[in-house]
Amino acid sequence: MRNTMYNSNMPLAILLIGIFASGKGTQAELLAKKYGLYHFVTSKEGKNYIDTHDDSETRRQLELYKKGILYEPQWLWRVQQERMREIFGRGVGVVFDGSPRTPYEAERLPALLADLYGTENVKAIELKISPEEIKRRLERRLVCDRDHSHAFIKSDTLKIGSPCPRGDGILEVRDLDRAEDFDTRVDEFEKRTKQAIEYL
């Protein structure tokens, strides 16, 4: 995206993109706190939508999610539009954690954000990481079973089954972080998200 001057009269809209385990969640959380932004976790927003809707198209997304496959772009776009109009209506900026993930999203989401916040206030940041580092991070990552955005590094005090330091759940290995899903998730990134990044 073209770099333009920041309009301080409007909130920021930031797109953090990159492969899984690249640190999007950590960086998005820091940016959200610093600038007072809504932290939009794409996978979590989709899951929340699934939990509150019971149509056949939405149920299909849950099966995809469990397999490590990205949500269908047309369905996710519906979720994003609804949520973004709610967030913007509250006068709040946003930082996206993992979007756009597909060319379909890349063609639409930045345009929606530009309409809401102004083109000069929409920023895209790519985080890069090697496959070796991804595997190393996943081997050490634990998440809260109540909220997967609460992620931690295994240690002597943080183990599977330990209480989540930031919530009322317990720590576990997320199903998608298991070694057997690694190749599927890399393949999804290579086939779809890389194209979205190139488009931006």
C-alpha atoms as a PDB file:
ATOM      1  CA  MET A   1       0.000   0.000   0.000  1.00  0.00           C
ATOM      2  CA  ARG A   2       1.174   3.534  -0.748  1.00  0.00           C
ATOM      3  CA  ASN A   3       2.689   5.282   2.254  1.00  0.00           C
ATOM      4  CA  THR A   4       0.881   8.560   3.008  1.00  0.00           C
ATOM      5  CA  MET A   5       0.822  10.984   5.910  1.00  0.00           C
ATOM      6  CA  TYR A   6      -1.094   9.943   9.032  1.00  0.00           C
ATOM      7  CA  ASN A   7      -4.311  11.869   9.779  1.00  0.00           C
ATOM      8  CA  SER A   8      -4.296  12.240  13.568  1.00  0.00           C
ATOM      9  CA  ASN A   9      -7.985  13.232  13.573  1.00  0.00           C
ATOM     10  CA  MET A  10      -9.009   9.667  12.697  1.00  0.00           C
ATOM     11  CA  PRO A  11      -8.142   6.345  14.391  1.00  0.00           C
ATOM     12  CA  LEU A  12      -5.618   4.003  12.805  1.00  0.00           C
ATOM     13  CA  ALA A  13      -6.451   0.783  10.962  1.00  0.00           C
ATOM     14  CA  ILE A  14      -3.457  -1.584  10.840  1.00  0.00           C
ATOM     15  CA  LEU A  15      -3.130  -4.880   8.968  1.00  0.00           C
ATOM     16  CA  LEU A  16      -0.531  -7.258  10.426  1.00  0.00           C
ATOM     17  CA  ILE A  17       0.125 -10.086   7.994  1.00  0.00           C
ATOM     18  CA  GLY A  18       2.480 -13.035   7.920  1.00  0.00           C
ATOM     19  CA  ILE A  19       2.695 -16.780   8.348  1.00  0.00           C
ATOM     20  CA  PHE A  20       1.401 -18.436  11.539  1.00  0.00           C
ATOM     21  CA  ALA A  21       3.668 -18.121  14.602  1.00  0.00           C
ATOM     22  CA  SER A  22       5.343 -15.031  13.133  1.00  0.00           C
ATOM     23  CA  GLY A  23       4.365 -12.919  16.128  1.00  0.00           C
ATOM     24  CA  LYS A  24       1.247 -11.227  14.748  1.00  0.00           C
ATOM     25  CA  GLY A  25      -0.691 -11.680  17.979  1.00  0.00           C
ATOM     26  CA  THR A  26       2.065 -10.302  20.178  1.00  0.00           C
ATOM     27  CA  GLN A  27       2.688  -7.274  17.973  1.00  0.00           C
ATOM     28  CA  ALA A  28      -1.035  -6.603  17.509  1.00  0.00           C
ATOM     29  CA  GLU A  29      -1.554  -6.642  21.256  1.00  0.00           C
ATOM     30  CA  LEU A  30       1.268  -4.134  21.760  1.00  0.00           C
ATOM     31  CA  LEU A  31      -0.111  -1.839  19.047  1.00  0.00           C
ATOM     32  CA  ALA A  32      -3.646  -2.128  20.416  1.00  0.00           C
ATOM     33  CA  LYS A  33      -2.473  -1.015  23.858  1.00  0.00           C
ATOM     34  CA  LYS A  34      -0.290   1.799  22.564  1.00  0.00           C
ATOM     35  CA  TYR A  35      -2.863   3.346  20.217  1.00  0.00           C
ATOM     36  CA  GLY A  36      -6.127   2.278  21.887  1.00  0.00           C
ATOM     37  CA  LEU A  37      -7.109  -0.003  18.988  1.00  0.00           C
ATOM     38  CA  TYR A  38      -9.504  -2.922  18.849  1.00  0.00           C
ATOM     39  CA  HIS A  39      -7.455  -6.133  18.487  1.00  0.00           C
ATOM     40  CA  PHE A  40      -9.222  -7.998  15.665  1.00  0.00           C
ATOM     41  CA  VAL A  41      -8.093 -11.641  15.794  1.00  0.00           C
ATOM     42  CA  THR A  42      -9.446 -13.070  12.542  1.00  0.00           C
ATOM     43  CA  SER A  43      -9.644 -16.676  13.731  1.00  0.00           C
ATOM     44  CA  LYS A  44     -11.266 -15.644  17.029  1.00  0.00           C
ATOM     45  CA  GLU A  45     -13.809 -13.337  15.386  1.00  0.00           C
ATOM     46  CA  GLY A  46     -14.738 -16.151  13.023  1.00  0.00           C
ATOM     47  CA  LYS A  47     -15.073 -18.592  15.919  1.00  0.00           C
ATOM     48  CA  ASN A  48     -17.272 -16.154  17.864  1.00  0.00           C
ATOM     49  CA  TYR A  49     -19.490 -15.788  14.801  1.00  0.00           C
ATOM     50  CA  ILE A  50     -19.703 -19.573  14.448  1.00  0.00           C
ATOM     51  CA  ASP A  51     -20.754 -19.868  18.100  1.00  0.00           C
ATOM     52  CA  THR A  52     -23.652 -17.444  17.605  1.00  0.00           C
ATOM     53  CA  HIS A  53     -24.919 -18.514  14.154  1.00  0.00           C
ATOM     54  CA  ASP A  54     -26.324 -21.857  13.070  1.00  0.00           C
ATOM     55  CA  ASP A  55     -26.676 -21.760   9.295  1.00  0.00           C
ATOM     56  CA  SER A  56     -25.120 -24.480   7.121  1.00  0.00           C
ATOM     57  CA  GLU A  57     -22.489 -22.163   5.620  1.00  0.00           C
ATOM     58  CA  THR A  58     -21.290 -21.164   9.084  1.00  0.00           C
ATOM     59  CA  ARG A  59     -21.213 -24.763  10.359  1.00  0.00           C
ATOM     60  CA  ARG A  60     -18.973 -25.663   7.413  1.00  0.00           C
ATOM     61  CA  GLN A  61     -16.413 -23.085   8.556  1.00  0.00           C
ATOM     62  CA  LEU A  62     -15.990 -24.882  11.894  1.00  0.00           C
ATOM     63  CA  GLU A  63     -14.983 -28.079  10.095  1.00  0.00           C
ATOM     64  CA  LEU A  64     -12.423 -26.159   8.030  1.00  0.00           C
ATOM     65  CA  TYR A  65     -11.037 -24.445  11.148  1.00  0.00           C
ATOM     66  CA  LYS A  66     -10.546 -27.789  12.903  1.00  0.00           C
ATOM     67  CA  LYS A  67      -8.481 -29.040   9.935  1.00  0.00           C
ATOM     68  CA  GLY A  68      -6.183 -26.000   9.854  1.00  0.00           C
ATOM     69  CA  ILE A  69      -7.790 -24.723   6.645  1.00  0.00           C
ATOM     70  CA  LEU A  70      -8.633 -21.039   6.306  1.00  0.00           C
ATOM     71  CA  TYR A  71     -12.241 -19.885   6.502  1.00  0.00           C
ATOM     72  CA  GLU A  72     -13.917 -19.508   3.117  1.00  0.00           C
ATOM     73  CA  PRO A  73     -13.196 -15.937   1.961  1.00  0.00           C
ATOM     74  CA  GLN A  74     -16.773 -14.979   1.071  1.00  0.00           C
ATOM     75  CA  TRP A  75     -18.039 -16.089   4.482  1.00  0.00           C
ATOM     76  CA  LEU A  76     -15.195 -14.356   6.339  1.00  0.00           C
ATOM     77  CA  TRP A  77     -15.812 -11.163   4.392  1.00  0.00           C
ATOM     78  CA  ARG A  78     -19.395 -11.155   5.683  1.00  0.00           C
ATOM     79  CA  VAL A  79     -18.109 -11.451   9.265  1.00  0.00           C
ATOM     80  CA  GLN A  80     -15.494  -8.731   8.772  1.00  0.00           C
ATOM     81  CA  GLN A  81     -17.946  -6.237   7.289  1.00  0.00           C
ATOM     82  CA  GLU A  82     -20.458  -6.699  10.108  1.00  0.00           C
ATOM     83  CA  ARG A  83     -17.840  -6.450  12.852  1.00  0.00           C
ATOM     84  CA  MET A  84     -15.930  -3.528  11.328  1.00  0.00           C
ATOM     85  CA  ARG A  85     -19.037  -1.401  11.016  1.00  0.00           C
ATOM     86  CA  GLU A  86     -19.755  -2.094  14.698  1.00  0.00           C
ATOM     87  CA  ILE A  87     -16.167  -1.238  15.730  1.00  0.00           C
ATOM     88  CA  PHE A  88     -16.001   1.919  13.614  1.00  0.00           C
ATOM     89  CA  GLY A  89     -19.413   2.951  14.951  1.00  0.00           C
ATOM     90  CA  ARG A  90     -17.846   3.072  18.429  1.00  0.00           C
ATOM     91  CA  GLY A  91     -15.180   5.480  17.163  1.00  0.00           C
ATOM     92  CA  VAL A  92     -12.373   2.976  17.703  1.00  0.00           C
ATOM     93  CA  GLY A  93      -9.405   2.107  15.471  1.00  0.00           C
ATOM     94  CA  VAL A  94      -8.424  -1.474  14.728  1.00  0.00           C
ATOM     95  CA  VAL A  95      -5.383  -3.689  14.344  1.00  0.00           C
ATOM     96  CA  PHE A  96      -5.963  -6.903  12.388  1.00  0.00           C
ATOM     97  CA  ASP A  97      -4.102  -9.966  13.588  1.00  0.00           C
ATOM     98  CA  GLY A  98      -3.729 -12.137  10.493  1.00  0.00           C
ATOM     99  CA  SER A  99      -5.750 -10.436   7.788  1.00  0.00           C
ATOM    100  CA  PRO A 100      -5.915 -10.337   4.879  1.00  0.00           C
ATOM    101  CA  ARG A 101      -5.100 -14.034   4.442  1.00  0.00           C
ATOM    102  CA  THR A 102      -6.403 -14.513   0.902  1.00  0.00           C
ATOM    103  CA  PRO A 103      -6.434 -12.488  -2.340  1.00  0.00           C
ATOM    104  CA  TYR A 104     -10.210 -12.163  -1.949  1.00  0.00           C
ATOM    105  CA  GLU A 105      -9.713 -10.411   1.406  1.00  0.00           C
ATOM    106  CA  ALA A 106      -6.799  -8.333   0.117  1.00  0.00           C
ATOM    107  CA  GLU A 107      -8.983  -6.904  -2.646  1.00  0.00           C
ATOM    108  CA  ARG A 108     -11.752  -5.894  -0.237  1.00  0.00           C
ATOM    109  CA  LEU A 109     -10.634  -5.344   3.356  1.00  0.00           C
ATOM    110  CA  PRO A 110      -8.183  -2.435   2.776  1.00  0.00           C
ATOM    111  CA  ALA A 111     -10.820  -0.681   0.651  1.00  0.00           C
ATOM    112  CA  LEU A 112     -13.415  -1.040   3.422  1.00  0.00           C
ATOM    113  CA  LEU A 113     -10.958   0.301   5.997  1.00  0.00           C
ATOM    114  CA  ALA A 114     -10.009   3.206   3.714  1.00  0.00           C
ATOM    115  CA  ASP A 115     -13.687   4.118   3.371  1.00  0.00           C
ATOM    116  CA  LEU A 116     -14.125   4.054   7.148  1.00  0.00           C
ATOM    117  CA  TYR A 117     -10.845   5.521   8.420  1.00  0.00           C
ATOM    118  CA  GLY A 118      -9.348   7.284   5.389  1.00  0.00           C
ATOM    119  CA  THR A 119      -6.650   5.865   3.121  1.00  0.00           C
ATOM    120  CA  GLU A 120      -3.852   7.695   4.946  1.00  0.00           C
ATOM    121  CA  ASN A 121      -4.746   5.912   8.204  1.00  0.00           C
ATOM    122  CA  VAL A 122      -4.633   2.362   6.831  1.00  0.00           C
ATOM    123  CA  LYS A 123      -1.236   0.709   7.282  1.00  0.00           C
ATOM    124  CA  ALA A 124      -0.062  -2.795   6.316  1.00  0.00           C
ATOM    125  CA  ILE A 125       2.881  -4.499   8.043  1.00  0.00           C
ATOM    126  CA  GLU A 126       4.352  -7.858   7.000  1.00  0.00           C
ATOM    127  CA  LEU A 127       6.099 -10.023   9.611  1.00  0.00           C
ATOM    128  CA  LYS A 128       8.618 -12.522   8.243  1.00  0.00           C
ATOM    129  CA  ILE A 129       9.959 -15.658   9.917  1.00  0.00           C
ATOM    130  CA  SER A 130      11.784 -18.817   8.795  1.00  0.00           C
ATOM    131  CA  PRO A 131      10.148 -22.291   8.848  1.00  0.00           C
ATOM    132  CA  GLU A 132      12.778 -23.398  11.366  1.00  0.00           C
ATOM    133  CA  GLU A 133      11.827 -20.590  13.745  1.00  0.00           C
ATOM    134  CA  ILE A 134       8.132 -21.406  13.327  1.00  0.00           C
ATOM    135  CA  LYS A 135       8.727 -25.006  14.406  1.00  0.00           C
ATOM    136  CA  ARG A 136      10.827 -23.866  17.352  1.00  0.00           C
ATOM    137  CA  ARG A 137       8.103 -21.482  18.515  1.00  0.00           C
ATOM    138  CA  LEU A 138       5.300 -24.001  18.126  1.00  0.00           C
ATOM    139  CA  GLU A 139       7.204 -26.590  20.159  1.00  0.00           C
ATOM    140  CA  ARG A 140       7.301 -24.109  23.062  1.00  0.00           C
ATOM    141  CA  ARG A 141       3.904 -22.403  22.719  1.00  0.00           C
ATOM    142  CA  LEU A 142       1.029 -22.905  25.155  1.00  0.00           C
ATOM    143  CA  VAL A 143      -2.363 -21.197  24.988  1.00  0.00           C
ATOM    144  CA  CYS A 144      -5.264 -20.688  27.374  1.00  0.00           C
ATOM    145  CA  ASP A 145      -8.051 -23.176  26.709  1.00  0.00           C
ATOM    146  CA  ARG A 146     -10.588 -20.363  27.237  1.00  0.00           C
ATOM    147  CA  ASP A 147      -8.888 -17.825  24.964  1.00  0.00           C
ATOM    148  CA  HIS A 148      -6.249 -18.901  22.428  1.00  0.00           C
ATOM    149  CA  SER A 149      -5.064 -15.311  22.036  1.00  0.00           C
ATOM    150  CA  HIS A 150      -3.472 -15.731  25.492  1.00  0.00           C
ATOM    151  CA  ALA A 151      -0.226 -17.394  24.410  1.00  0.00           C
ATOM    152  CA  PHE A 152       2.807 -18.267  26.542  1.00  0.00           C
ATOM    153  CA  ILE A 153       6.194 -19.962  26.274  1.00  0.00           C
ATOM    154  CA  LYS A 154       6.676 -23.228  28.168  1.00  0.00           C
ATOM    155  CA  SER A 155       8.820 -22.890  31.273  1.00  0.00           C
ATOM    156  CA  ASP A 156       9.316 -24.463  34.688  1.00  0.00           C
ATOM    157  CA  THR A 157       6.272 -22.569  35.949  1.00  0.00           C
ATOM    158  CA  LEU A 158       4.174 -22.563  32.754  1.00  0.00           C
ATOM    159  CA  LYS A 159       3.283 -26.107  31.735  1.00  0.00           C
ATOM    160  CA  ILE A 160       0.392 -27.986  30.173  1.00  0.00           C
ATOM    161  CA  GLY A 161      -2.381 -27.932  32.777  1.00  0.00           C
ATOM    162  CA  SER A 162      -1.080 -24.824  34.591  1.00  0.00           C
ATOM    163  CA  PRO A 163      -3.598 -22.040  35.321  1.00  0.00           C
ATOM    164  CA  CYS A 164      -3.647 -19.334  32.635  1.00  0.00           C
ATOM    165  CA  PRO A 165      -1.918 -16.236  34.088  1.00  0.00           C
ATOM    166  CA  ARG A 166      -4.329 -13.972  32.192  1.00  0.00           C
ATOM    167  CA  GLY A 167      -7.650 -15.741  32.612  1.00  0.00           C
ATOM    168  CA  ASP A 168      -9.610 -18.481  34.339  1.00  0.00           C
ATOM    169  CA  GLY A 169      -8.644 -21.296  31.960  1.00  0.00           C
ATOM    170  CA  ILE A 170      -5.734 -23.722  31.869  1.00  0.00           C
ATOM    171  CA  LEU A 171      -2.755 -23.917  29.529  1.00  0.00           C
ATOM    172  CA  GLU A 172      -2.736 -26.412  26.678  1.00  0.00           C
ATOM    173  CA  VAL A 173      -1.195 -27.033  23.253  1.00  0.00           C
ATOM    174  CA  ARG A 174      -3.560 -25.695  20.610  1.00  0.00           C
ATOM    175  CA  ASP A 175      -4.703 -28.415  18.212  1.00  0.00           C
ATOM    176  CA  LEU A 176      -3.541 -26.360  15.216  1.00  0.00           C
ATOM    177  CA  ASP A 177      -0.050 -26.057  16.708  1.00  0.00           C
ATOM    178  CA  ARG A 178       0.572 -29.809  16.670  1.00  0.00           C
ATOM    179  CA  ALA A 179       3.290 -31.067  14.329  1.00  0.00           C
ATOM    180  CA  GLU A 180       0.893 -33.055  12.138  1.00  0.00           C
ATOM    181  CA  ASP A 181      -0.874 -29.839  11.026  1.00  0.00           C
ATOM    182  CA  PHE A 182       2.329 -27.971  10.171  1.00  0.00           C
ATOM    183  CA  ASP A 183       2.514 -28.888   6.468  1.00  0.00           C
ATOM    184  CA  THR A 184      -1.180 -28.140   5.899  1.00  0.00           C
ATOM    185  CA  ARG A 185      -0.841 -24.690   7.401  1.00  0.00           C
ATOM    186  CA  VAL A 186       2.342 -23.894   5.460  1.00  0.00           C
ATOM    187  CA  ASP A 187       0.607 -25.030   2.274  1.00  0.00           C
ATOM    188  CA  GLU A 188      -2.358 -22.744   3.009  1.00  0.00           C
ATOM    189  CA  PHE A 189       0.025 -19.820   3.511  1.00  0.00           C
ATOM    190  CA  GLU A 190       1.971 -20.540   0.320  1.00  0.00           C
ATOM    191  CA  LYS A 191      -1.122 -20.984  -1.836  1.00  0.00           C
ATOM    192  CA  ARG A 192      -3.267 -18.167  -0.506  1.00  0.00           C
ATOM    193  CA  THR A 193      -1.738 -15.699   1.938  1.00  0.00           C
ATOM    194  CA  LYS A 194       1.411 -15.085  -0.113  1.00  0.00           C
ATOM    195  CA  GLN A 195      -0.815 -13.951  -2.975  1.00  0.00           C
ATOM    196  CA  ALA A 196      -2.631 -11.565  -0.651  1.00  0.00           C
ATOM    197  CA  ILE A 197       0.686 -10.084   0.509  1.00  0.00           C
ATOM    198  CA  GLU A 198       1.843  -9.690  -3.093  1.00  0.00           C
ATOM    199  CA  TYR A 199      -1.433  -7.955  -3.955  1.00  0.00           C
ATOM    200  CA  LEU A 200      -0.962  -5.432  -1.154  1.00  0.00           C
END
